[in-house]
Protein backbone atom coordinates (compact mmCIF):
# COMPACT_ATOMS: atom_id res chain seq x y z
CA MET A 1 0.00 0.00 0.00
CA GLN A 2 1.30 3.45 -0.90
CA HIS A 3 1.54 6.55 1.26
CA TYR A 4 -0.62 8.49 -1.21
CA TYR A 5 -3.43 8.07 -3.72
CA TRP A 6 -5.37 10.27 -6.10
CA GLN A 7 -9.08 11.16 -6.05
CA GLY A 8 -9.59 13.00 -9.30
CA ASP A 9 -7.22 15.98 -9.20
CA ASP A 10 -6.82 15.78 -5.41
CA LEU A 11 -3.87 14.09 -3.73
CA LEU A 12 -4.50 12.24 -0.47
CA ILE A 13 -1.45 11.58 1.67
CA LYS A 14 -0.98 9.41 4.76
CA VAL A 15 1.24 11.39 7.12
CA LEU A 16 3.12 10.55 10.31
CA LEU A 17 3.71 13.84 12.10
CA GLN A 18 6.65 14.36 14.45
CA PRO A 19 6.05 17.56 16.46
CA ASN A 20 8.71 19.29 18.60
CA ALA A 21 11.43 18.35 16.10
CA SER A 22 14.59 20.32 15.38
CA ARG A 23 13.43 21.38 11.90
CA ASN A 24 10.41 21.61 9.61
CA ALA A 25 10.94 19.05 6.85
CA ILE A 26 9.70 16.01 4.99
CA VAL A 27 11.87 13.31 6.53
CA GLY A 28 10.98 10.37 4.28
CA MET A 29 9.00 7.17 4.48
CA HIS A 30 7.94 5.43 7.70
CA GLY A 31 6.08 2.27 6.74
CA ASN A 32 3.06 3.35 4.68
CA HIS A 33 3.24 6.95 5.87
CA LEU A 34 5.17 10.02 4.82
CA LYS A 35 7.05 11.21 7.91
CA ILE A 36 7.07 14.98 8.42
CA SER A 37 8.89 16.72 11.26
CA LEU A 38 7.74 20.06 12.65
CA MET A 39 9.31 22.37 15.21
CA THR A 40 5.87 23.36 16.53
CA PRO A 41 4.43 21.63 19.63
CA PRO A 42 1.11 19.78 19.31
CA ILE A 43 -0.77 22.26 21.49
CA GLY A 44 -4.00 23.93 20.44
CA GLY A 45 -3.75 22.75 16.84
CA LYS A 46 -0.50 24.66 16.22
CA ALA A 47 1.26 21.62 14.72
CA ASN A 48 -1.66 21.03 12.35
CA LYS A 49 -1.52 24.66 11.20
CA GLN A 50 2.23 24.41 10.66
CA LEU A 51 1.75 21.16 8.72
CA ILE A 52 -0.66 22.94 6.36
CA VAL A 53 1.81 25.82 5.89
CA LEU A 54 4.68 23.42 5.14
CA LEU A 55 2.63 21.33 2.70
CA GLY A 56 1.43 24.50 0.98
CA LYS A 57 5.03 25.52 0.31
CA VAL A 58 6.13 22.04 -0.78
CA PHE A 59 3.20 21.41 -3.13
CA ARG A 60 2.89 25.08 -4.20
CA VAL A 61 -0.78 25.46 -3.32
CA LYS A 62 -2.75 27.87 -1.15
CA LYS A 63 -3.35 26.86 2.46
CA SER A 64 -7.08 26.83 1.71
CA ASN A 65 -6.46 23.95 -0.74
CA ILE A 66 -5.19 21.68 2.05
CA ALA A 67 -7.38 19.87 4.57
CA ILE A 68 -6.72 17.34 7.32
CA LEU A 69 -9.35 14.65 6.73
CA THR A 70 -8.53 12.25 9.57
CA GLY A 71 -6.28 12.30 12.61
CA GLU A 72 -6.69 15.89 13.70
CA ARG A 73 -5.63 14.90 17.23
CA SER A 74 -3.27 12.11 16.22
CA ARG A 75 0.24 11.83 14.81
CA TYR A 76 -1.18 9.69 12.00
CA LYS A 77 -3.17 11.83 9.57
CA THR A 78 -4.74 11.73 6.13
CA VAL A 79 -4.34 15.03 4.30
CA ARG A 80 -6.07 16.18 1.09
CA ILE A 81 -4.21 18.53 -1.26
CA CYS A 82 -6.44 19.96 -3.98
CA ALA A 83 -4.76 20.07 -7.41
CA PRO A 84 -1.08 20.25 -6.36
CA SER A 85 1.09 22.08 -8.88
CA HIS A 86 4.35 20.42 -7.75
CA LEU A 87 5.21 16.93 -6.47
CA PRO A 88 8.32 16.35 -4.31
CA ASP A 89 10.74 13.52 -5.07
CA VAL A 90 9.11 11.11 -2.57
CA PHE A 91 6.18 10.90 -5.00
CA SER A 92 8.21 9.74 -7.99
CA GLU A 93 8.01 5.95 -8.07
């Protein structure tokens, strides 16, 4: 099973979030999830907001085109990115 799949023009990604990390970055694969580290603590939804900002920059879309579908209070999340204009290297298989 892959860490992502397409629904029409939308990209759905399975994410493993690592809050309180030393940097904001896509780390790589962790099982069937894309591991992303964030410097922000998981308090009051701050890590989720930072995740959306980071994904917006990486996929070159507006923040409003990104939604957390599942796992809002979990490290394991499913994220929808509407019509991404750029795909990072971890999506070239």
